[in-house]
Amino acid sequence: AGRTGHLTPQGTFSTYGYYDWCYMVDGTY
């Protein structure tokens, strides 16, 4: 559910941007 300072937000959201692979901010995929 997240880590300190980056907790999971709660609510209902729309999705967009669907990727087979996505490069993430920490250098992983």
mmCIF file of all heavy atoms, coordinates in Angstrom:
data_MODEL
# 
_entry.id   MODEL 
# 
loop_
_atom_site.group_PDB 
_atom_site.id 
_atom_site.type_symbol 
_atom_site.label_atom_id 
_atom_site.label_alt_id 
_atom_site.label_comp_id 
_atom_site.label_asym_id 
_atom_site.label_entity_id 
_atom_site.label_seq_id 
_atom_site.pdbx_PDB_ins_code 
_atom_site.Cartn_x 
_atom_site.Cartn_y 
_atom_site.Cartn_z 
_atom_site.occupancy 
_atom_site.B_iso_or_equiv 
_atom_site.pdbx_formal_charge 
_atom_site.auth_seq_id 
_atom_site.auth_comp_id 
_atom_site.auth_asym_id 
_atom_site.auth_atom_id 
_atom_site.pdbx_PDB_model_num 
ATOM 1   N N   . ALA A 1 1  ? 0.803   -1.228 0.000   1.00 0.00 ? 1  ALA A N   1 
ATOM 2   C CA  . ALA A 1 1  ? 0.000   0.000  0.000   1.00 0.00 ? 1  ALA A CA  1 
ATOM 3   C C   . ALA A 1 1  ? 0.830   1.270  0.000   1.00 0.00 ? 1  ALA A C   1 
ATOM 4   O O   . ALA A 1 1  ? 0.307   2.342  0.193   1.00 0.00 ? 1  ALA A O   1 
ATOM 5   C CB  . ALA A 1 1  ? -0.929  -0.012 1.193   1.00 0.00 ? 1  ALA A CB  1 
ATOM 6   N N   . GLY A 1 2  ? 2.107   1.190  -0.210  1.00 0.00 ? 2  GLY A N   1 
ATOM 7   C CA  . GLY A 1 2  ? 2.933   2.384  -0.271  1.00 0.00 ? 2  GLY A CA  1 
ATOM 8   C C   . GLY A 1 2  ? 3.970   2.410  0.829   1.00 0.00 ? 2  GLY A C   1 
ATOM 9   O O   . GLY A 1 2  ? 4.000   1.573  1.718   1.00 0.00 ? 2  GLY A O   1 
ATOM 10  N N   . ARG A 1 3  ? 4.830   3.412  0.717   1.00 0.00 ? 3  ARG A N   1 
ATOM 11  C CA  . ARG A 1 3  ? 5.880   3.585  1.722   1.00 0.00 ? 3  ARG A CA  1 
ATOM 12  C C   . ARG A 1 3  ? 5.766   4.998  2.286   1.00 0.00 ? 3  ARG A C   1 
ATOM 13  O O   . ARG A 1 3  ? 5.059   5.837  1.734   1.00 0.00 ? 3  ARG A O   1 
ATOM 14  C CB  . ARG A 1 3  ? 7.254   3.335  1.097   1.00 0.00 ? 3  ARG A CB  1 
ATOM 15  C CG  . ARG A 1 3  ? 7.643   4.323  0.016   1.00 0.00 ? 3  ARG A CG  1 
ATOM 16  C CD  . ARG A 1 3  ? 9.006   3.953  -0.592  1.00 0.00 ? 3  ARG A CD  1 
ATOM 17  N NE  . ARG A 1 3  ? 9.536   5.008  -1.391  1.00 0.00 ? 3  ARG A NE  1 
ATOM 18  C CZ  . ARG A 1 3  ? 9.297   5.190  -2.673  1.00 0.00 ? 3  ARG A CZ  1 
ATOM 19  N NH1 . ARG A 1 3  ? 8.510   4.359  -3.323  1.00 0.00 ? 3  ARG A NH1 1 
ATOM 20  N NH2 . ARG A 1 3  ? 9.833   6.198  -3.327  1.00 0.00 ? 3  ARG A NH2 1 
ATOM 21  N N   . THR A 1 4  ? 6.456   5.256  3.353   1.00 0.00 ? 4  THR A N   1 
ATOM 22  C CA  . THR A 1 4  ? 6.403   6.556  4.004   1.00 0.00 ? 4  THR A CA  1 
ATOM 23  C C   . THR A 1 4  ? 6.659   7.663  2.991   1.00 0.00 ? 4  THR A C   1 
ATOM 24  O O   . THR A 1 4  ? 7.623   7.610  2.235   1.00 0.00 ? 4  THR A O   1 
ATOM 25  C CB  . THR A 1 4  ? 7.449   6.629  5.133   1.00 0.00 ? 4  THR A CB  1 
ATOM 26  O OG1 . THR A 1 4  ? 7.197   5.563  6.045   1.00 0.00 ? 4  THR A OG1 1 
ATOM 27  C CG2 . THR A 1 4  ? 7.369   7.963  5.862   1.00 0.00 ? 4  THR A CG2 1 
ATOM 28  N N   . GLY A 1 5  ? 5.780   8.630  2.958   1.00 0.00 ? 5  GLY A N   1 
ATOM 29  C CA  . GLY A 1 5  ? 5.899   9.740  2.022   1.00 0.00 ? 5  GLY A CA  1 
ATOM 30  C C   . GLY A 1 5  ? 5.300   9.451  0.657   1.00 0.00 ? 5  GLY A C   1 
ATOM 31  O O   . GLY A 1 5  ? 5.179   10.340 -0.174  1.00 0.00 ? 5  GLY A O   1 
ATOM 32  N N   . HIS A 1 6  ? 4.933   8.208  0.400   1.00 0.00 ? 6  HIS A N   1 
ATOM 33  C CA  . HIS A 1 6  ? 4.363   7.808  -0.897  1.00 0.00 ? 6  HIS A CA  1 
ATOM 34  C C   . HIS A 1 6  ? 3.222   6.829  -0.668  1.00 0.00 ? 6  HIS A C   1 
ATOM 35  O O   . HIS A 1 6  ? 3.139   5.795  -1.318  1.00 0.00 ? 6  HIS A O   1 
ATOM 36  C CB  . HIS A 1 6  ? 5.437   7.160  -1.777  1.00 0.00 ? 6  HIS A CB  1 
ATOM 37  C CG  . HIS A 1 6  ? 6.582   8.056  -2.064  1.00 0.00 ? 6  HIS A CG  1 
ATOM 38  N ND1 . HIS A 1 6  ? 6.534   9.041  -3.019  1.00 0.00 ? 6  HIS A ND1 1 
ATOM 39  C CD2 . HIS A 1 6  ? 7.803   8.147  -1.489  1.00 0.00 ? 6  HIS A CD2 1 
ATOM 40  C CE1 . HIS A 1 6  ? 7.686   9.691  -3.033  1.00 0.00 ? 6  HIS A CE1 1 
ATOM 41  N NE2 . HIS A 1 6  ? 8.469   9.161  -2.108  1.00 0.00 ? 6  HIS A NE2 1 
ATOM 42  N N   . LEU A 1 7  ? 2.359   7.152  0.262   1.00 0.00 ? 7  LEU A N   1 
ATOM 43  C CA  . LEU A 1 7  ? 1.264   6.251  0.586   1.00 0.00 ? 7  LEU A CA  1 
ATOM 44  C C   . LEU A 1 7  ? 0.249   6.205  -0.542  1.00 0.00 ? 7  LEU A C   1 
ATOM 45  O O   . LEU A 1 7  ? 0.080   7.164  -1.299  1.00 0.00 ? 7  LEU A O   1 
ATOM 46  C CB  . LEU A 1 7  ? 0.591   6.685  1.892   1.00 0.00 ? 7  LEU A CB  1 
ATOM 47  C CG  . LEU A 1 7  ? 1.484   6.627  3.129   1.00 0.00 ? 7  LEU A CG  1 
ATOM 48  C CD1 . LEU A 1 7  ? 0.733   7.123  4.353   1.00 0.00 ? 7  LEU A CD1 1 
ATOM 49  C CD2 . LEU A 1 7  ? 1.995   5.213  3.349   1.00 0.00 ? 7  LEU A CD2 1 
ATOM 50  N N   . THR A 1 8  ? -0.419  5.102  -0.641  1.00 0.00 ? 8  THR A N   1 
ATOM 51  C CA  . THR A 1 8  ? -1.422  4.891  -1.674  1.00 0.00 ? 8  THR A CA  1 
ATOM 52  C C   . THR A 1 8  ? -2.613  5.813  -1.458  1.00 0.00 ? 8  THR A C   1 
ATOM 53  O O   . THR A 1 8  ? -3.197  5.823  -0.380  1.00 0.00 ? 8  THR A O   1 
ATOM 54  C CB  . THR A 1 8  ? -1.898  3.430  -1.635  1.00 0.00 ? 8  THR A CB  1 
ATOM 55  O OG1 . THR A 1 8  ? -0.787  2.582  -1.834  1.00 0.00 ? 8  THR A OG1 1 
ATOM 56  C CG2 . THR A 1 8  ? -2.948  3.162  -2.691  1.00 0.00 ? 8  THR A CG2 1 
ATOM 57  N N   . PRO A 1 9  ? -2.976  6.591  -2.474  1.00 0.00 ? 9  PRO A N   1 
ATOM 58  C CA  . PRO A 1 9  ? -4.173  7.425  -2.340  1.00 0.00 ? 9  PRO A CA  1 
ATOM 59  C C   . PRO A 1 9  ? -5.419  6.541  -2.389  1.00 0.00 ? 9  PRO A C   1 
ATOM 60  O O   . PRO A 1 9  ? -5.402  5.466  -2.957  1.00 0.00 ? 9  PRO A O   1 
ATOM 61  C CB  . PRO A 1 9  ? -4.101  8.351  -3.545  1.00 0.00 ? 9  PRO A CB  1 
ATOM 62  C CG  . PRO A 1 9  ? -3.203  7.681  -4.500  1.00 0.00 ? 9  PRO A CG  1 
ATOM 63  C CD  . PRO A 1 9  ? -2.311  6.770  -3.736  1.00 0.00 ? 9  PRO A CD  1 
ATOM 64  N N   . GLN A 1 10 ? -6.479  7.005  -1.787  1.00 0.00 ? 10 GLN A N   1 
ATOM 65  C CA  . GLN A 1 10 ? -7.719  6.244  -1.794  1.00 0.00 ? 10 GLN A CA  1 
ATOM 66  C C   . GLN A 1 10 ? -8.772  6.976  -2.586  1.00 0.00 ? 10 GLN A C   1 
ATOM 67  O O   . GLN A 1 10 ? -8.799  8.199  -2.626  1.00 0.00 ? 10 GLN A O   1 
ATOM 68  C CB  . GLN A 1 10 ? -8.181  6.003  -0.358  1.00 0.00 ? 10 GLN A CB  1 
ATOM 69  C CG  . GLN A 1 10 ? -7.212  5.150  0.422   1.00 0.00 ? 10 GLN A CG  1 
ATOM 70  C CD  . GLN A 1 10 ? -7.724  4.835  1.814   1.00 0.00 ? 10 GLN A CD  1 
ATOM 71  O OE1 . GLN A 1 10 ? -8.857  5.123  2.156   1.00 0.00 ? 10 GLN A OE1 1 
ATOM 72  N NE2 . GLN A 1 10 ? -6.871  4.231  2.617   1.00 0.00 ? 10 GLN A NE2 1 
ATOM 73  N N   . GLY A 1 11 ? -9.629  6.229  -3.248  1.00 0.00 ? 11 GLY A N   1 
ATOM 74  C CA  . GLY A 1 11 ? -10.687 6.806  -4.054  1.00 0.00 ? 11 GLY A CA  1 
ATOM 75  C C   . GLY A 1 11 ? -10.930 5.992  -5.294  1.00 0.00 ? 11 GLY A C   1 
ATOM 76  O O   . GLY A 1 11 ? -10.431 4.876  -5.428  1.00 0.00 ? 11 GLY A O   1 
ATOM 77  N N   . THR A 1 12 ? -11.669 6.564  -6.216  1.00 0.00 ? 12 THR A N   1 
ATOM 78  C CA  . THR A 1 12 ? -11.960 5.924  -7.497  1.00 0.00 ? 12 THR A CA  1 
ATOM 79  C C   . THR A 1 12 ? -11.348 6.776  -8.590  1.00 0.00 ? 12 THR A C   1 
ATOM 80  O O   . THR A 1 12 ? -11.537 7.993  -8.598  1.00 0.00 ? 12 THR A O   1 
ATOM 81  C CB  . THR A 1 12 ? -13.481 5.807  -7.714  1.00 0.00 ? 12 THR A CB  1 
ATOM 82  O OG1 . THR A 1 12 ? -14.033 5.033  -6.641  1.00 0.00 ? 12 THR A OG1 1 
ATOM 83  C CG2 . THR A 1 12 ? -13.793 5.145  -9.043  1.00 0.00 ? 12 THR A CG2 1 
ATOM 84  N N   . PHE A 1 13 ? -10.605 6.146  -9.501  1.00 0.00 ? 13 PHE A N   1 
ATOM 85  C CA  . PHE A 1 13 ? -9.885  6.885  -10.519 1.00 0.00 ? 13 PHE A CA  1 
ATOM 86  C C   . PHE A 1 13 ? -10.047 6.250  -11.889 1.00 0.00 ? 13 PHE A C   1 
ATOM 87  O O   . PHE A 1 13 ? -10.257 5.047  -12.002 1.00 0.00 ? 13 PHE A O   1 
ATOM 88  C CB  . PHE A 1 13 ? -8.395  6.937  -10.173 1.00 0.00 ? 13 PHE A CB  1 
ATOM 89  C CG  . PHE A 1 13 ? -8.134  7.541  -8.824  1.00 0.00 ? 13 PHE A CG  1 
ATOM 90  C CD1 . PHE A 1 13 ? -8.095  6.763  -7.689  1.00 0.00 ? 13 PHE A CD1 1 
ATOM 91  C CD2 . PHE A 1 13 ? -7.953  8.905  -8.689  1.00 0.00 ? 13 PHE A CD2 1 
ATOM 92  C CE1 . PHE A 1 13 ? -7.876  7.306  -6.442  1.00 0.00 ? 13 PHE A CE1 1 
ATOM 93  C CE2 . PHE A 1 13 ? -7.737  9.469  -7.450  1.00 0.00 ? 13 PHE A CE2 1 
ATOM 94  C CZ  . PHE A 1 13 ? -7.703  8.672  -6.323  1.00 0.00 ? 13 PHE A CZ  1 
ATOM 95  N N   . SER A 1 14 ? -9.924  7.062  -12.916 1.00 0.00 ? 14 SER A N   1 
ATOM 96  C CA  . SER A 1 14 ? -9.905  6.569  -14.286 1.00 0.00 ? 14 SER A CA  1 
ATOM 97  C C   . SER A 1 14 ? -8.484  6.155  -14.634 1.00 0.00 ? 14 SER A C   1 
ATOM 98  O O   . SER A 1 14 ? -7.522  6.698  -14.083 1.00 0.00 ? 14 SER A O   1 
ATOM 99  C CB  . SER A 1 14 ? -10.359 7.657  -15.255 1.00 0.00 ? 14 SER A CB  1 
ATOM 100 O OG  . SER A 1 14 ? -11.690 8.019  -14.991 1.00 0.00 ? 14 SER A OG  1 
ATOM 101 N N   . THR A 1 15 ? -8.369  5.197  -15.535 1.00 0.00 ? 15 THR A N   1 
ATOM 102 C CA  . THR A 1 15 ? -7.054  4.753  -15.975 1.00 0.00 ? 15 THR A CA  1 
ATOM 103 C C   . THR A 1 15 ? -6.775  5.257  -17.386 1.00 0.00 ? 15 THR A C   1 
ATOM 104 O O   . THR A 1 15 ? -7.693  5.570  -18.141 1.00 0.00 ? 15 THR A O   1 
ATOM 105 C CB  . THR A 1 15 ? -6.957  3.210  -15.951 1.00 0.00 ? 15 THR A CB  1 
ATOM 106 O OG1 . THR A 1 15 ? -7.931  2.665  -16.827 1.00 0.00 ? 15 THR A OG1 1 
ATOM 107 C CG2 . THR A 1 15 ? -7.169  2.674  -14.543 1.00 0.00 ? 15 THR A CG2 1 
ATOM 108 N N   . TYR A 1 16 ? -5.507  5.348  -17.718 1.00 0.00 ? 16 TYR A N   1 
ATOM 109 C CA  . TYR A 1 16 ? -5.065  5.759  -19.051 1.00 0.00 ? 16 TYR A CA  1 
ATOM 110 C C   . TYR A 1 16 ? -3.634  5.275  -19.217 1.00 0.00 ? 16 TYR A C   1 
ATOM 111 O O   . TYR A 1 16 ? -3.016  4.820  -18.259 1.00 0.00 ? 16 TYR A O   1 
ATOM 112 C CB  . TYR A 1 16 ? -5.146  7.283  -19.216 1.00 0.00 ? 16 TYR A CB  1 
ATOM 113 C CG  . TYR A 1 16 ? -4.240  8.029  -18.262 1.00 0.00 ? 16 TYR A CG  1 
ATOM 114 C CD1 . TYR A 1 16 ? -2.972  8.433  -18.669 1.00 0.00 ? 16 TYR A CD1 1 
ATOM 115 C CD2 . TYR A 1 16 ? -4.639  8.313  -16.962 1.00 0.00 ? 16 TYR A CD2 1 
ATOM 116 C CE1 . TYR A 1 16 ? -2.131  9.107  -17.788 1.00 0.00 ? 16 TYR A CE1 1 
ATOM 117 C CE2 . TYR A 1 16 ? -3.816  8.982  -16.090 1.00 0.00 ? 16 TYR A CE2 1 
ATOM 118 C CZ  . TYR A 1 16 ? -2.557  9.377  -16.508 1.00 0.00 ? 16 TYR A CZ  1 
ATOM 119 O OH  . TYR A 1 16 ? -1.726  10.028 -15.638 1.00 0.00 ? 16 TYR A OH  1 
ATOM 120 N N   . GLY A 1 17 ? -3.082  5.348  -20.392 1.00 0.00 ? 17 GLY A N   1 
ATOM 121 C CA  . GLY A 1 17 ? -1.694  4.983  -20.618 1.00 0.00 ? 17 GLY A CA  1 
ATOM 122 C C   . GLY A 1 17 ? -1.419  3.530  -20.289 1.00 0.00 ? 17 GLY A C   1 
ATOM 123 O O   . GLY A 1 17 ? -1.002  3.205  -19.188 1.00 0.00 ? 17 GLY A O   1 
ATOM 124 N N   . TYR A 1 18 ? -1.666  2.650  -21.233 1.00 0.00 ? 18 TYR A N   1 
ATOM 125 C CA  . TYR A 1 18 ? -1.469  1.214  -21.043 1.00 0.00 ? 18 TYR A CA  1 
ATOM 126 C C   . TYR A 1 18 ? -0.177  0.799  -21.747 1.00 0.00 ? 18 TYR A C   1 
ATOM 127 O O   . TYR A 1 18 ? 0.006   1.079  -22.927 1.00 0.00 ? 18 TYR A O   1 
ATOM 128 C CB  . TYR A 1 18 ? -2.663  0.449  -21.613 1.00 0.00 ? 18 TYR A CB  1 
ATOM 129 C CG  . TYR A 1 18 ? -3.960  0.911  -20.985 1.00 0.00 ? 18 TYR A CG  1 
ATOM 130 C CD1 . TYR A 1 18 ? -4.688  1.966  -21.530 1.00 0.00 ? 18 TYR A CD1 1 
ATOM 131 C CD2 . TYR A 1 18 ? -4.440  0.304  -19.830 1.00 0.00 ? 18 TYR A CD2 1 
ATOM 132 C CE1 . TYR A 1 18 ? -5.858  2.406  -20.940 1.00 0.00 ? 18 TYR A CE1 1 
ATOM 133 C CE2 . TYR A 1 18 ? -5.614  0.741  -19.236 1.00 0.00 ? 18 TYR A CE2 1 
ATOM 134 C CZ  . TYR A 1 18 ? -6.312  1.786  -19.796 1.00 0.00 ? 18 TYR A CZ  1 
ATOM 135 O OH  . TYR A 1 18 ? -7.472  2.220  -19.202 1.00 0.00 ? 18 TYR A OH  1 
ATOM 136 N N   . TYR A 1 19 ? 0.728   0.148  -21.014 1.00 0.00 ? 19 TYR A N   1 
ATOM 137 C CA  . TYR A 1 19 ? 2.046   -0.198 -21.541 1.00 0.00 ? 19 TYR A CA  1 
ATOM 138 C C   . TYR A 1 19 ? 2.352   -1.674 -21.314 1.00 0.00 ? 19 TYR A C   1 
ATOM 139 O O   . TYR A 1 19 ? 2.103   -2.200 -20.231 1.00 0.00 ? 19 TYR A O   1 
ATOM 140 C CB  . TYR A 1 19 ? 3.139   0.618  -20.844 1.00 0.00 ? 19 TYR A CB  1 
ATOM 141 C CG  . TYR A 1 19 ? 2.846   2.095  -20.771 1.00 0.00 ? 19 TYR A CG  1 
ATOM 142 C CD1 . TYR A 1 19 ? 2.255   2.639  -19.637 1.00 0.00 ? 19 TYR A CD1 1 
ATOM 143 C CD2 . TYR A 1 19 ? 3.152   2.934  -21.827 1.00 0.00 ? 19 TYR A CD2 1 
ATOM 144 C CE1 . TYR A 1 19 ? 1.983   3.987  -19.554 1.00 0.00 ? 19 TYR A CE1 1 
ATOM 145 C CE2 . TYR A 1 19 ? 2.885   4.294  -21.751 1.00 0.00 ? 19 TYR A CE2 1 
ATOM 146 C CZ  . TYR A 1 19 ? 2.291   4.810  -20.615 1.00 0.00 ? 19 TYR A CZ  1 
ATOM 147 O OH  . TYR A 1 19 ? 2.020   6.142  -20.534 1.00 0.00 ? 19 TYR A OH  1 
ATOM 148 N N   . ASP A 1 20 ? 2.953   -2.305 -22.321 1.00 0.00 ? 20 ASP A N   1 
ATOM 149 C CA  . ASP A 1 20 ? 3.436   -3.666 -22.141 1.00 0.00 ? 20 ASP A CA  1 
ATOM 150 C C   . ASP A 1 20 ? 4.608   -3.645 -21.168 1.00 0.00 ? 20 ASP A C   1 
ATOM 151 O O   . ASP A 1 20 ? 4.695   -4.462 -20.258 1.00 0.00 ? 20 ASP A O   1 
ATOM 152 C CB  . ASP A 1 20 ? 3.850   -4.266 -23.490 1.00 0.00 ? 20 ASP A CB  1 
ATOM 153 C CG  . ASP A 1 20 ? 4.151   -5.744 -23.379 1.00 0.00 ? 20 ASP A CG  1 
ATOM 154 O OD1 . ASP A 1 20 ? 3.466   -6.451 -22.621 1.00 0.00 ? 20 ASP A OD1 1 
ATOM 155 O OD2 . ASP A 1 20 ? 5.087   -6.196 -24.058 1.00 0.00 ? 20 ASP A OD2 1 
ATOM 156 N N   . TRP A 1 21 ? 5.528   -2.686 -21.356 1.00 0.00 ? 21 TRP A N   1 
ATOM 157 C CA  . TRP A 1 21 ? 6.654   -2.439 -20.454 1.00 0.00 ? 21 TRP A CA  1 
ATOM 158 C C   . TRP A 1 21 ? 6.729   -0.939 -20.215 1.00 0.00 ? 21 TRP A C   1 
ATOM 159 O O   . TRP A 1 21 ? 6.536   -0.155 -21.137 1.00 0.00 ? 21 TRP A O   1 
ATOM 160 C CB  . TRP A 1 21 ? 7.973   -2.886 -21.075 1.00 0.00 ? 21 TRP A CB  1 
ATOM 161 C CG  . TRP A 1 21 ? 8.143   -4.367 -21.123 1.00 0.00 ? 21 TRP A CG  1 
ATOM 162 C CD1 . TRP A 1 21 ? 7.900   -5.186 -22.203 1.00 0.00 ? 21 TRP A CD1 1 
ATOM 163 C CD2 . TRP A 1 21 ? 8.586   -5.221 -20.077 1.00 0.00 ? 21 TRP A CD2 1 
ATOM 164 N NE1 . TRP A 1 21 ? 8.169   -6.478 -21.874 1.00 0.00 ? 21 TRP A NE1 1 
ATOM 165 C CE2 . TRP A 1 21 ? 8.595   -6.536 -20.576 1.00 0.00 ? 21 TRP A CE2 1 
ATOM 166 C CE3 . TRP A 1 21 ? 8.970   -5.003 -18.754 1.00 0.00 ? 21 TRP A CE3 1 
ATOM 167 C CZ2 . TRP A 1 21 ? 8.978   -7.624 -19.809 1.00 0.00 ? 21 TRP A CZ2 1 
ATOM 168 C CZ3 . TRP A 1 21 ? 9.358   -6.087 -17.996 1.00 0.00 ? 21 TRP A CZ3 1 
ATOM 169 C CH2 . TRP A 1 21 ? 9.362   -7.375 -18.518 1.00 0.00 ? 21 TRP A CH2 1 
ATOM 170 N N   . CYS A 1 22 ? 7.031   -0.543 -18.986 1.00 0.00 ? 22 CYS A N   1 
ATOM 171 C CA  . CYS A 1 22 ? 7.147   0.883  -18.682 1.00 0.00 ? 22 CYS A CA  1 
ATOM 172 C C   . CYS A 1 22 ? 8.380   1.124  -17.816 1.00 0.00 ? 22 CYS A C   1 
ATOM 173 O O   . CYS A 1 22 ? 8.565   0.464  -16.788 1.00 0.00 ? 22 CYS A O   1 
ATOM 174 C CB  . CYS A 1 22 ? 5.899   1.365  -17.949 1.00 0.00 ? 22 CYS A CB  1 
ATOM 175 S SG  . CYS A 1 22 ? 5.875   3.149  -17.676 1.00 0.00 ? 22 CYS A SG  1 
ATOM 176 N N   . TYR A 1 23 ? 9.229   2.055  -18.244 1.00 0.00 ? 23 TYR A N   1 
ATOM 177 C CA  . TYR A 1 23 ? 10.403  2.429  -17.463 1.00 0.00 ? 23 TYR A CA  1 
ATOM 178 C C   . TYR A 1 23 ? 9.946   3.273  -16.285 1.00 0.00 ? 23 TYR A C   1 
ATOM 179 O O   . TYR A 1 23 ? 9.178   4.213  -16.443 1.00 0.00 ? 23 TYR A O   1 
ATOM 180 C CB  . TYR A 1 23 ? 11.382  3.222  -18.332 1.00 0.00 ? 23 TYR A CB  1 
ATOM 181 C CG  . TYR A 1 23 ? 12.662  3.578  -17.627 1.00 0.00 ? 23 TYR A CG  1 
ATOM 182 C CD1 . TYR A 1 23 ? 13.629  2.611  -17.386 1.00 0.00 ? 23 TYR A CD1 1 
ATOM 183 C CD2 . TYR A 1 23 ? 12.897  4.872  -17.193 1.00 0.00 ? 23 TYR A CD2 1 
ATOM 184 C CE1 . TYR A 1 23 ? 14.809  2.925  -16.736 1.00 0.00 ? 23 TYR A CE1 1 
ATOM 185 C CE2 . TYR A 1 23 ? 14.071  5.207  -16.548 1.00 0.00 ? 23 TYR A CE2 1 
ATOM 186 C CZ  . TYR A 1 23 ? 15.029  4.233  -16.315 1.00 0.00 ? 23 TYR A CZ  1 
ATOM 187 O OH  . TYR A 1 23 ? 16.189  4.546  -15.665 1.00 0.00 ? 23 TYR A OH  1 
ATOM 188 N N   . MET A 1 24 ? 10.405  2.922  -15.095 1.00 0.00 ? 24 MET A N   1 
ATOM 189 C CA  . MET A 1 24 ? 9.944   3.610  -13.887 1.00 0.00 ? 24 MET A CA  1 
ATOM 190 C C   . MET A 1 24 ? 11.049  4.483  -13.293 1.00 0.00 ? 24 MET A C   1 
ATOM 191 O O   . MET A 1 24 ? 12.224  4.348  -13.641 1.00 0.00 ? 24 MET A O   1 
ATOM 192 C CB  . MET A 1 24 ? 9.433   2.576  -12.880 1.00 0.00 ? 24 MET A CB  1 
ATOM 193 C CG  . MET A 1 24 ? 8.261   1.781  -13.448 1.00 0.00 ? 24 MET A CG  1 
ATOM 194 S SD  . MET A 1 24 ? 7.460   0.662  -12.291 1.00 0.00 ? 24 MET A SD  1 
ATOM 195 C CE  . MET A 1 24 ? 8.738   -0.502 -11.939 1.00 0.00 ? 24 MET A CE  1 
ATOM 196 N N   . VAL A 1 25 ? 10.674  5.372  -12.382 1.00 0.00 ? 25 VAL A N   1 
ATOM 197 C CA  . VAL A 1 25 ? 11.585  6.377  -11.840 1.00 0.00 ? 25 VAL A CA  1 
ATOM 198 C C   . VAL A 1 25 ? 12.784  5.795  -11.100 1.00 0.00 ? 25 VAL A C   1 
ATOM 199 O O   . VAL A 1 25 ? 13.807  6.454  -10.970 1.00 0.00 ? 25 VAL A O   1 
ATOM 200 C CB  . VAL A 1 25 ? 10.849  7.373  -10.907 1.00 0.00 ? 25 VAL A CB  1 
ATOM 201 C CG1 . VAL A 1 25 ? 9.806   8.156  -11.676 1.00 0.00 ? 25 VAL A CG1 1 
ATOM 202 C CG2 . VAL A 1 25 ? 10.217  6.667  -9.724  1.00 0.00 ? 25 VAL A CG2 1 
ATOM 203 N N   . ASP A 1 26 ? 12.682  4.563  -10.620 1.00 0.00 ? 26 ASP A N   1 
ATOM 204 C CA  . ASP A 1 26 ? 13.807  3.974  -9.884  1.00 0.00 ? 26 ASP A CA  1 
ATOM 205 C C   . ASP A 1 26 ? 14.742  3.167  -10.774 1.00 0.00 ? 26 ASP A C   1 
ATOM 206 O O   . ASP A 1 26 ? 15.613  2.471  -10.279 1.00 0.00 ? 26 ASP A O   1 
ATOM 207 C CB  . ASP A 1 26 ? 13.287  3.108  -8.732  1.00 0.00 ? 26 ASP A CB  1 
ATOM 208 C CG  . ASP A 1 26 ? 12.521  1.888  -9.208  1.00 0.00 ? 26 ASP A CG  1 
ATOM 209 O OD1 . ASP A 1 26 ? 12.218  1.790  -10.417 1.00 0.00 ? 26 ASP A OD1 1 
ATOM 210 O OD2 . ASP A 1 26 ? 12.216  1.028  -8.367  1.00 0.00 ? 26 ASP A OD2 1 
ATOM 211 N N   . GLY A 1 27 ? 14.550  3.246  -12.102 1.00 0.00 ? 27 GLY A N   1 
ATOM 212 C CA  . GLY A 1 27 ? 15.420  2.538  -13.029 1.00 0.00 ? 27 GLY A CA  1 
ATOM 213 C C   . GLY A 1 27 ? 15.000  1.109  -13.326 1.00 0.00 ? 27 GLY A C   1 
ATOM 214 O O   . GLY A 1 27 ? 15.685  0.389  -14.034 1.00 0.00 ? 27 GLY A O   1 
ATOM 215 N N   . THR A 1 28 ? 13.853  0.695  -12.795 1.00 0.00 ? 28 THR A N   1 
ATOM 216 C CA  . THR A 1 28 ? 13.335  -0.637 -13.091 1.00 0.00 ? 28 THR A CA  1 
ATOM 217 C C   . THR A 1 28 ? 12.252  -0.519 -14.152 1.00 0.00 ? 28 THR A C   1 
ATOM 218 O O   . THR A 1 28 ? 11.875  0.584  -14.556 1.00 0.00 ? 28 THR A O   1 
ATOM 219 C CB  . THR A 1 28 ? 12.750  -1.305 -11.828 1.00 0.00 ? 28 THR A CB  1 
ATOM 220 O OG1 . THR A 1 28 ? 11.659  -0.508 -11.360 1.00 0.00 ? 28 THR A OG1 1 
ATOM 221 C CG2 . THR A 1 28 ? 13.800  -1.456 -10.736 1.00 0.00 ? 28 THR A CG2 1 
ATOM 222 N N   . TYR A 1 29 ? 11.749  -1.661 -14.595 1.00 0.00 ? 29 TYR A N   1 
ATOM 223 C CA  . TYR A 1 29 ? 10.670  -1.708 -15.570 1.00 0.00 ? 29 TYR A CA  1 
ATOM 224 C C   . TYR A 1 29 ? 9.480   -2.431 -14.964 1.00 0.00 ? 29 TYR A C   1 
ATOM 225 O O   . TYR A 1 29 ? 9.640   -3.413 -14.242 1.00 0.00 ? 29 TYR A O   1 
ATOM 226 C CB  . TYR A 1 29 ? 11.109  -2.445 -16.841 1.00 0.00 ? 29 TYR A CB  1 
ATOM 227 C CG  . TYR A 1 29 ? 12.115  -1.671 -17.646 1.00 0.00 ? 29 TYR A CG  1 
ATOM 228 C CD1 . TYR A 1 29 ? 13.473  -1.747 -17.346 1.00 0.00 ? 29 TYR A CD1 1 
ATOM 229 C CD2 . TYR A 1 29 ? 11.706  -0.852 -18.691 1.00 0.00 ? 29 TYR A CD2 1 
ATOM 230 C CE1 . TYR A 1 29 ? 14.402  -1.024 -18.079 1.00 0.00 ? 29 TYR A CE1 1 
ATOM 231 C CE2 . TYR A 1 29 ? 12.631  -0.125 -19.424 1.00 0.00 ? 29 TYR A CE2 1 
ATOM 232 C CZ  . TYR A 1 29 ? 13.974  -0.214 -19.106 1.00 0.00 ? 29 TYR A CZ  1 
ATOM 233 O OH  . TYR A 1 29 ? 14.889  0.507  -19.832 1.00 0.00 ? 29 TYR A OH  1 
# 
